[in-house]
C-alpha atoms as a PDB file:
ATOM      1  CA  UNK A   1       0.176   0.062  -0.028  1.00  0.00           C
ATOM      2  CA  UNK A   2       1.094   3.536  -0.833  1.00  0.00           C
ATOM      3  CA  UNK A   3       0.203   6.918   0.974  1.00  0.00           C
ATOM      4  CA  UNK A   4       1.302  10.258   0.513  1.00  0.00           C
ATOM      5  CA  UNK A   5       4.354  11.578   2.228  1.00  0.00           C
ATOM      6  CA  UNK A   6       2.468  14.698   3.615  1.00  0.00           C
ATOM      7  CA  UNK A   7      -0.328  12.291   5.053  1.00  0.00           C
ATOM      8  CA  UNK A   8       2.219  10.104   6.449  1.00  0.00           C
ATOM      9  CA  UNK A   9       4.051  12.752   8.489  1.00  0.00           C
ATOM     10  CA  UNK A  10       0.485  14.417   9.694  1.00  0.00           C
ATOM     11  CA  UNK A  11      -1.061  11.099  10.561  1.00  0.00           C
ATOM     12  CA  UNK A  12       1.841  10.167  12.855  1.00  0.00           C
ATOM     13  CA  UNK A  13       1.336  13.388  14.802  1.00  0.00           C
ATOM     14  CA  UNK A  14       3.959  15.607  13.146  1.00  0.00           C
ATOM     15  CA  UNK A  15       1.793  18.779  12.636  1.00  0.00           C
ATOM     16  CA  UNK A  16      -0.735  19.827  10.467  1.00  0.00           C
ATOM     17  CA  UNK A  17      -0.745  19.257   6.591  1.00  0.00           C
ATOM     18  CA  UNK A  18       0.610  22.613   6.125  1.00  0.00           C
ATOM     19  CA  UNK A  19       3.254  22.065   8.939  1.00  0.00           C
ATOM     20  CA  UNK A  20       4.599  19.107   7.465  1.00  0.00           C
ATOM     21  CA  UNK A  21       4.477  20.405   3.908  1.00  0.00           C
ATOM     22  CA  UNK A  22       7.110  22.679   5.289  1.00  0.00           C
ATOM     23  CA  UNK A  23       9.082  20.139   6.743  1.00  0.00           C
ATOM     24  CA  UNK A  24       9.260  18.374   3.426  1.00  0.00           C
ATOM     25  CA  UNK A  25       9.994  21.261   1.276  1.00  0.00           C
ATOM     26  CA  UNK A  26      12.808  22.425   3.622  1.00  0.00           C
ATOM     27  CA  UNK A  27      14.771  18.902   2.616  1.00  0.00           C
ATOM     28  CA  UNK A  28      14.387  17.487   6.315  1.00  0.00           C
ATOM     29  CA  UNK A  29      12.601  14.178   5.253  1.00  0.00           C
ATOM     30  CA  UNK A  30      14.253  11.185   3.648  1.00  0.00           C
ATOM     31  CA  UNK A  31      12.573   8.365   2.365  1.00  0.00           C
ATOM     32  CA  UNK A  32      14.754   4.961   2.134  1.00  0.00           C
ATOM     33  CA  UNK A  33      17.932   7.143   2.514  1.00  0.00           C
ATOM     34  CA  UNK A  34      16.947   9.776  -0.262  1.00  0.00           C
ATOM     35  CA  UNK A  35      15.832  13.344   0.576  1.00  0.00           C
ATOM     36  CA  UNK A  36      12.253  13.765  -0.550  1.00  0.00           C
ATOM     37  CA  UNK A  37      10.936  17.651  -1.393  1.00  0.00           C
ATOM     38  CA  UNK A  38       7.628  17.102  -2.957  1.00  0.00           C
ATOM     39  CA  UNK A  39       4.785  16.545  -0.294  1.00  0.00           C
ATOM     40  CA  UNK A  40       2.330  14.611  -2.430  1.00  0.00           C
ATOM     41  CA  UNK A  41       4.799  11.936  -3.150  1.00  0.00           C
ATOM     42  CA  UNK A  42       3.338   8.389  -2.665  1.00  0.00           C
ATOM     43  CA  UNK A  43       5.637   6.280  -0.487  1.00  0.00           C
ATOM     44  CA  UNK A  44       5.111   2.436   0.229  1.00  0.00           C
ATOM     45  CA  UNK A  45       4.307   1.949   3.993  1.00  0.00           C
ATOM     46  CA  UNK A  46       7.058  -0.541   4.167  1.00  0.00           C
ATOM     47  CA  UNK A  47       9.273   2.104   3.433  1.00  0.00           C
ATOM     48  CA  UNK A  48      11.943   3.757   5.857  1.00  0.00           C
ATOM     49  CA  UNK A  49      11.107   7.394   6.554  1.00  0.00           C
ATOM     50  CA  UNK A  50      13.108   9.802   8.365  1.00  0.00           C
ATOM     51  CA  UNK A  51      12.782  13.294   9.748  1.00  0.00           C
ATOM     52  CA  UNK A  52      16.313  14.456  10.339  1.00  0.00           C
ATOM     53  CA  UNK A  53      17.739  11.091  11.798  1.00  0.00           C
ATOM     54  CA  UNK A  54      14.414  10.191  13.580  1.00  0.00           C
ATOM     55  CA  UNK A  55      12.730   7.036  11.971  1.00  0.00           C
ATOM     56  CA  UNK A  56       8.804   7.583  11.490  1.00  0.00           C
ATOM     57  CA  UNK A  57       7.247   4.207  11.187  1.00  0.00           C
ATOM     58  CA  UNK A  58       3.799   4.084   9.432  1.00  0.00           C
ATOM     59  CA  UNK A  59       0.745   3.694  11.668  1.00  0.00           C
ATOM     60  CA  UNK A  60      -2.575   3.184  10.095  1.00  0.00           C
ATOM     61  CA  UNK A  61      -4.107   3.847  13.464  1.00  0.00           C
ATOM     62  CA  UNK A  62      -3.327   5.262  16.835  1.00  0.00           C
ATOM     63  CA  UNK A  63      -4.106   3.804  20.206  1.00  0.00           C
ATOM     64  CA  UNK A  64      -3.588   5.327  23.586  1.00  0.00           C
ATOM     65  CA  UNK A  65      -4.254   4.005  27.168  1.00  0.00           C
ATOM     66  CA  UNK A  66      -5.421   6.899  29.464  1.00  0.00           C
ATOM     67  CA  UNK A  67      -5.984   7.071  33.015  1.00  0.00           C
ATOM     68  CA  UNK A  68      -9.188   9.285  33.385  1.00  0.00           C
ATOM     69  CA  UNK A  69      -9.451  11.416  36.343  1.00  0.00           C
ATOM     70  CA  UNK A  70     -13.100  12.049  37.853  1.00  0.00           C
ATOM     71  CA  UNK A  71     -14.880  15.083  36.682  1.00  0.00           C
ATOM     72  CA  UNK A  72     -13.653  14.587  33.102  1.00  0.00           C
ATOM     73  CA  UNK A  73     -16.144  13.564  30.387  1.00  0.00           C
ATOM     74  CA  UNK A  74     -15.601  10.455  27.941  1.00  0.00           C
ATOM     75  CA  UNK A  75     -16.373  12.524  25.023  1.00  0.00           C
ATOM     76  CA  UNK A  76     -14.632  14.406  21.996  1.00  0.00           C
ATOM     77  CA  UNK A  77     -16.336  17.726  22.309  1.00  0.00           C
ATOM     78  CA  UNK A  78     -17.844  19.555  25.233  1.00  0.00           C
ATOM     79  CA  UNK A  79     -18.043  22.766  27.121  1.00  0.00           C
ATOM     80  CA  UNK A  80     -16.583  20.790  30.058  1.00  0.00           C
ATOM     81  CA  UNK A  81     -13.083  19.019  30.208  1.00  0.00           C
ATOM     82  CA  UNK A  82     -13.047  15.971  28.092  1.00  0.00           C
ATOM     83  CA  UNK A  83     -10.548  13.068  27.621  1.00  0.00           C
ATOM     84  CA  UNK A  84      -9.050  14.617  24.451  1.00  0.00           C
ATOM     85  CA  UNK A  85      -8.156  17.970  26.516  1.00  0.00           C
ATOM     86  CA  UNK A  86      -5.807  15.771  28.367  1.00  0.00           C
ATOM     87  CA  UNK A  87      -3.558  14.909  25.300  1.00  0.00           C
ATOM     88  CA  UNK A  88      -0.763  16.820  23.699  1.00  0.00           C
ATOM     89  CA  UNK A  89      -1.775  18.916  20.642  1.00  0.00           C
ATOM     90  CA  UNK A  90       0.363  16.662  18.456  1.00  0.00           C
ATOM     91  CA  UNK A  91      -1.536  13.723  19.639  1.00  0.00           C
ATOM     92  CA  UNK A  92      -5.000  15.379  18.605  1.00  0.00           C
ATOM     93  CA  UNK A  93      -3.976  15.872  14.862  1.00  0.00           C
ATOM     94  CA  UNK A  94      -6.158  12.576  14.147  1.00  0.00           C
ATOM     95  CA  UNK A  95      -9.881  11.986  14.719  1.00  0.00           C
ATOM     96  CA  UNK A  96      -9.508   9.920  17.806  1.00  0.00           C
ATOM     97  CA  UNK A  97     -12.542   9.162  20.223  1.00  0.00           C
ATOM     98  CA  UNK A  98     -13.018   6.920  23.371  1.00  0.00           C
ATOM     99  CA  UNK A  99     -13.597   3.376  22.463  1.00  0.00           C
ATOM    100  CA  UNK A 100     -16.413   3.156  25.103  1.00  0.00           C
ATOM    101  CA  UNK A 101     -17.601   5.883  27.714  1.00  0.00           C
ATOM    102  CA  UNK A 102     -16.934   5.817  31.623  1.00  0.00           C
ATOM    103  CA  UNK A 103     -19.316   8.126  33.637  1.00  0.00           C
ATOM    104  CA  UNK A 104     -17.896  11.572  34.616  1.00  0.00           C
ATOM    105  CA  UNK A 105     -17.310  10.403  38.020  1.00  0.00           C
ATOM    106  CA  UNK A 106     -15.977   7.208  37.111  1.00  0.00           C
ATOM    107  CA  UNK A 107     -11.814   6.731  36.971  1.00  0.00           C
ATOM    108  CA  UNK A 108      -9.897   4.535  35.225  1.00  0.00           C
ATOM    109  CA  UNK A 109      -8.842   3.058  32.046  1.00  0.00           C
ATOM    110  CA  UNK A 110     -10.154   4.541  28.614  1.00  0.00           C
ATOM    111  CA  UNK A 111      -8.950   3.595  25.325  1.00  0.00           C
ATOM    112  CA  UNK A 112      -8.358   6.378  22.935  1.00  0.00           C
ATOM    113  CA  UNK A 113      -8.049   5.273  19.052  1.00  0.00           C
ATOM    114  CA  UNK A 114      -9.145   6.277  15.379  1.00  0.00           C
ATOM    115  CA  UNK A 115      -9.427   2.818  14.601  1.00  0.00           C
ATOM    116  CA  UNK A 116     -13.360   2.442  14.398  1.00  0.00           C
ATOM    117  CA  UNK A 117     -13.593  -1.177  13.344  1.00  0.00           C
ATOM    118  CA  UNK A 118     -11.463  -2.264  16.426  1.00  0.00           C
ATOM    119  CA  UNK A 119     -13.702  -0.011  18.902  1.00  0.00           C
ATOM    120  CA  UNK A 120     -16.975  -1.239  17.519  1.00  0.00           C
ATOM    121  CA  UNK A 121     -15.647  -4.773  18.116  1.00  0.00           C
ATOM    122  CA  UNK A 122     -14.674  -3.858  21.796  1.00  0.00           C
ATOM    123  CA  UNK A 123     -17.972  -2.715  22.620  1.00  0.00           C
ATOM    124  CA  UNK A 124     -19.999  -5.608  20.776  1.00  0.00           C
ATOM    125  CA  UNK A 125     -21.503  -7.622  23.437  1.00  0.00           C
ATOM    126  CA  UNK A 126     -20.973 -10.699  21.262  1.00  0.00           C
ATOM    127  CA  UNK A 127     -17.301 -10.575  21.700  1.00  0.00           C
ATOM    128  CA  UNK A 128     -17.717 -11.231  25.316  1.00  0.00           C
ATOM    129  CA  UNK A 129     -14.613  -8.852  26.117  1.00  0.00           C
ATOM    130  CA  UNK A 130     -14.210  -8.400  29.862  1.00  0.00           C
ATOM    131  CA  UNK A 131     -14.182  -5.046  31.651  1.00  0.00           C
ATOM    132  CA  UNK A 132     -12.931  -5.068  35.117  1.00  0.00           C
ATOM    133  CA  UNK A 133     -13.915  -2.557  37.835  1.00  0.00           C
ATOM    134  CA  UNK A 134     -13.413  -1.719  41.452  1.00  0.00           C
ATOM    135  CA  UNK A 135     -16.132  -0.277  43.536  1.00  0.00           C
ATOM    136  CA  UNK A 136     -16.583   1.207  46.746  1.00  0.00           C
ATOM    137  CA  UNK A 137     -20.201   0.817  48.206  1.00  0.00           C
ATOM    138  CA  UNK A 138     -21.805   2.168  51.038  1.00  0.00           C
ATOM    139  CA  UNK A 139     -22.311  -1.076  52.957  1.00  0.00           C
ATOM    140  CA  UNK A 140     -21.181  -4.715  52.833  1.00  0.00           C
ATOM    141  CA  UNK A 141     -22.428  -7.285  50.064  1.00  0.00           C
ATOM    142  CA  UNK A 142     -23.726 -10.736  51.008  1.00  0.00           C
ATOM    143  CA  UNK A 143     -23.436 -13.888  48.817  1.00  0.00           C
ATOM    144  CA  UNK A 144     -27.080 -13.448  47.637  1.00  0.00           C
ATOM    145  CA  UNK A 145     -26.061 -10.299  45.875  1.00  0.00           C
ATOM    146  CA  UNK A 146     -22.818 -12.246  44.631  1.00  0.00           C
ATOM    147  CA  UNK A 147     -25.192 -14.717  43.327  1.00  0.00           C
ATOM    148  CA  UNK A 148     -27.658 -12.361  41.634  1.00  0.00           C
ATOM    149  CA  UNK A 149     -24.670 -10.913  39.806  1.00  0.00           C
ATOM    150  CA  UNK A 150     -23.676 -14.351  38.492  1.00  0.00           C
ATOM    151  CA  UNK A 151     -27.233 -14.968  37.341  1.00  0.00           C
ATOM    152  CA  UNK A 152     -27.862 -11.637  35.864  1.00  0.00           C
ATOM    153  CA  UNK A 153     -29.701  -8.738  37.276  1.00  0.00           C
ATOM    154  CA  UNK A 154     -32.932  -7.353  36.107  1.00  0.00           C
ATOM    155  CA  UNK A 155     -32.662  -3.662  35.239  1.00  0.00           C
ATOM    156  CA  UNK A 156     -35.566  -1.266  34.886  1.00  0.00           C
ATOM    157  CA  UNK A 157     -37.238   0.548  33.238  1.00  0.00           C
ATOM    158  CA  UNK A 158     -36.173  -1.258  30.080  1.00  0.00           C
ATOM    159  CA  UNK A 159     -36.824  -4.670  31.887  1.00  0.00           C
ATOM    160  CA  UNK A 160     -33.483  -6.348  30.582  1.00  0.00           C
ATOM    161  CA  UNK A 161     -31.404  -8.830  32.293  1.00  0.00           C
ATOM    162  CA  UNK A 162     -27.591  -8.284  32.429  1.00  0.00           C
ATOM    163  CA  UNK A 163     -25.286 -10.831  31.103  1.00  0.00           C
ATOM    164  CA  UNK A 164     -23.662 -12.928  34.128  1.00  0.00           C
ATOM    165  CA  UNK A 165     -21.427 -10.967  35.932  1.00  0.00           C
ATOM    166  CA  UNK A 166     -18.418 -11.583  38.593  1.00  0.00           C
ATOM    167  CA  UNK A 167     -18.621  -9.861  41.988  1.00  0.00           C
ATOM    168  CA  UNK A 168     -16.105 -10.391  44.820  1.00  0.00           C
ATOM    169  CA  UNK A 169     -15.225  -8.680  47.963  1.00  0.00           C
ATOM    170  CA  UNK A 170     -11.359  -7.604  48.012  1.00  0.00           C
ATOM    171  CA  UNK A 171      -9.389  -7.486  51.213  1.00  0.00           C
ATOM    172  CA  UNK A 172      -9.602  -3.403  51.364  1.00  0.00           C
ATOM    173  CA  UNK A 173     -13.040  -3.752  51.470  1.00  0.00           C
ATOM    174  CA  UNK A 174     -13.718  -2.629  47.801  1.00  0.00           C
ATOM    175  CA  UNK A 175     -15.688  -5.012  45.173  1.00  0.00           C
ATOM    176  CA  UNK A 176     -14.288  -6.237  42.363  1.00  0.00           C
ATOM    177  CA  UNK A 177     -16.712  -6.511  39.213  1.00  0.00           C
ATOM    178  CA  UNK A 178     -16.095  -8.125  35.738  1.00  0.00           C
ATOM    179  CA  UNK A 179     -18.893  -7.707  33.051  1.00  0.00           C
ATOM    180  CA  UNK A 180     -18.836  -8.271  29.380  1.00  0.00           C
ATOM    181  CA  UNK A 181     -21.156  -5.573  28.133  1.00  0.00           C
ATOM    182  CA  UNK A 182     -21.689  -1.931  28.963  1.00  0.00           C
ATOM    183  CA  UNK A 183     -25.213  -0.939  29.481  1.00  0.00           C
ATOM    184  CA  UNK A 184     -26.072   2.898  30.705  1.00  0.00           C
ATOM    185  CA  UNK A 185     -24.728   3.182  34.201  1.00  0.00           C
ATOM    186  CA  UNK A 186     -24.848  -0.706  34.391  1.00  0.00           C
ATOM    187  CA  UNK A 187     -22.769  -1.524  37.423  1.00  0.00           C
ATOM    188  CA  UNK A 188     -24.179   1.487  39.596  1.00  0.00           C
ATOM    189  CA  UNK A 189     -27.796  -0.001  38.431  1.00  0.00           C
ATOM    190  CA  UNK A 190     -26.800  -3.601  39.282  1.00  0.00           C
ATOM    191  CA  UNK A 191     -25.769  -2.533  42.890  1.00  0.00           C
ATOM    192  CA  UNK A 192     -28.914  -0.317  43.317  1.00  0.00           C
ATOM    193  CA  UNK A 193     -31.010  -3.304  42.316  1.00  0.00           C
ATOM    194  CA  UNK A 194     -29.518  -4.880  45.397  1.00  0.00           C
ATOM    195  CA  UNK A 195     -29.793  -2.109  47.761  1.00  0.00           C
ATOM    196  CA  UNK A 196     -26.298  -0.793  47.707  1.00  0.00           C
ATOM    197  CA  UNK A 197     -24.951   2.678  46.163  1.00  0.00           C
ATOM    198  CA  UNK A 198     -21.757   3.020  44.488  1.00  0.00           C
ATOM    199  CA  UNK A 199     -19.681   5.780  46.212  1.00  0.00           C
ATOM    200  CA  UNK A 200     -16.635   5.399  43.773  1.00  0.00           C
ATOM    201  CA  UNK A 201     -16.056   3.337  40.550  1.00  0.00           C
ATOM    202  CA  UNK A 202     -12.700   2.791  38.838  1.00  0.00           C
ATOM    203  CA  UNK A 203     -12.213   0.792  35.585  1.00  0.00           C
ATOM    204  CA  UNK A 204      -8.813  -1.554  35.958  1.00  0.00           C
ATOM    205  CA  UNK A 205      -9.009  -3.529  32.537  1.00  0.00           C
ATOM    206  CA  UNK A 206     -10.479  -4.070  29.431  1.00  0.00           C
ATOM    207  CA  UNK A 207      -9.936  -7.215  27.853  1.00  0.00           C
ATOM    208  CA  UNK A 208      -6.137  -7.828  27.905  1.00  0.00           C
ATOM    209  CA  UNK A 209      -5.357  -3.967  28.648  1.00  0.00           C
ATOM    210  CA  UNK A 210      -4.630  -3.153  32.264  1.00  0.00           C
ATOM    211  CA  UNK A 211      -4.141   0.097  33.921  1.00  0.00           C
ATOM    212  CA  UNK A 212      -0.673  -0.161  35.653  1.00  0.00           C
ATOM    213  CA  UNK A 213      -0.178   1.959  38.670  1.00  0.00           C
ATOM    214  CA  UNK A 214       2.511   3.983  37.425  1.00  0.00           C
ATOM    215  CA  UNK A 215       0.191   5.901  35.078  1.00  0.00           C
ATOM    216  CA  UNK A 216      -1.478   8.460  37.302  1.00  0.00           C
ATOM    217  CA  UNK A 217      -4.655  10.079  36.611  1.00  0.00           C
ATOM    218  CA  UNK A 218      -4.582  12.462  33.751  1.00  0.00           C
ATOM    219  CA  UNK A 219      -1.670  10.497  31.994  1.00  0.00           C
ATOM    220  CA  UNK A 220      -1.660   8.353  28.935  1.00  0.00           C
ATOM    221  CA  UNK A 221       0.776   6.323  26.732  1.00  0.00           C
ATOM    222  CA  UNK A 222       0.659   4.851  23.536  1.00  0.00           C
ATOM    223  CA  UNK A 223      -0.338   1.123  23.465  1.00  0.00           C
ATOM    224  CA  UNK A 224       2.575  -1.299  22.228  1.00  0.00           C
ATOM    225  CA  UNK A 225       2.329  -3.489  19.378  1.00  0.00           C
ATOM    226  CA  UNK A 226       1.881  -6.542  21.475  1.00  0.00           C
ATOM    227  CA  UNK A 227      -1.202  -4.878  23.232  1.00  0.00           C
ATOM    228  CA  UNK A 228      -2.625  -3.820  19.834  1.00  0.00           C
ATOM    229  CA  UNK A 229      -2.335  -7.398  18.677  1.00  0.00           C
ATOM    230  CA  UNK A 230      -3.532  -8.750  22.017  1.00  0.00           C
ATOM    231  CA  UNK A 231      -6.785  -6.215  21.670  1.00  0.00           C
ATOM    232  CA  UNK A 232      -7.456  -7.346  18.044  1.00  0.00           C
ATOM    233  CA  UNK A 233      -7.254 -11.080  18.941  1.00  0.00           C
ATOM    234  CA  UNK A 234      -9.693 -10.652  21.713  1.00  0.00           C
ATOM    235  CA  UNK A 235     -11.861  -8.560  19.311  1.00  0.00           C
ATOM    236  CA  UNK A 236     -11.893 -11.358  16.846  1.00  0.00           C
ATOM    237  CA  UNK A 237      -9.617  -9.248  14.443  1.00  0.00           C
ATOM    238  CA  UNK A 238      -6.633 -10.344  12.659  1.00  0.00           C
ATOM    239  CA  UNK A 239      -3.327  -8.577  13.770  1.00  0.00           C
ATOM    240  CA  UNK A 240      -2.241  -5.815  11.321  1.00  0.00           C
ATOM    241  CA  UNK A 241      -0.272  -7.490   8.368  1.00  0.00           C
ATOM    242  CA  UNK A 242      -1.710 -10.970   8.906  1.00  0.00           C
END
């Protein structure tokens, strides 16, 4: 596959199309060792592209793992602060979006990407991708509620039953919840059906992606290629290049 050189650089976050055109025309960009000064030049995605001496591998899509703080919206645009507002300007060049939403007061893992097919596959219940949460409640849970989570809980007013979910109590008193779907305010409503209110909710994992302790609230990082492939595999997609 071939792409235009200016699109290659702008898609990798090296500036707007106008900015990368200036970089290319200045002679700072090399393709397979040769300087290229025409922005519209088509380049094979297997080529070696460099800006000065820095390699710029081609990425069809971008993937960021972000630790969402409370009070930030899982949206692309709003009058209030959104997850995209936490990104550096160079990482907002592409039209990325959150693959699944967290409530405004919920913290934890959010995947940001411009890979629409993968995002759709992650959110689709038919792939049974686990989402793991830690919940702080206003009181203890009993074995009866654990069993109700396992069997599925009736949610009103839709009158729908959730898929089987895992509920366990951690040593620190919080609850660990694992679901494979993402209905509106699902975990809060499941606990409410059992007579408990959620005081704090944190998403720790989505499929194979785990939010590490070193990634503090408001911080983010790109996914590794291994993580991308694991996510594609969990979502029933072939890894890139297969």
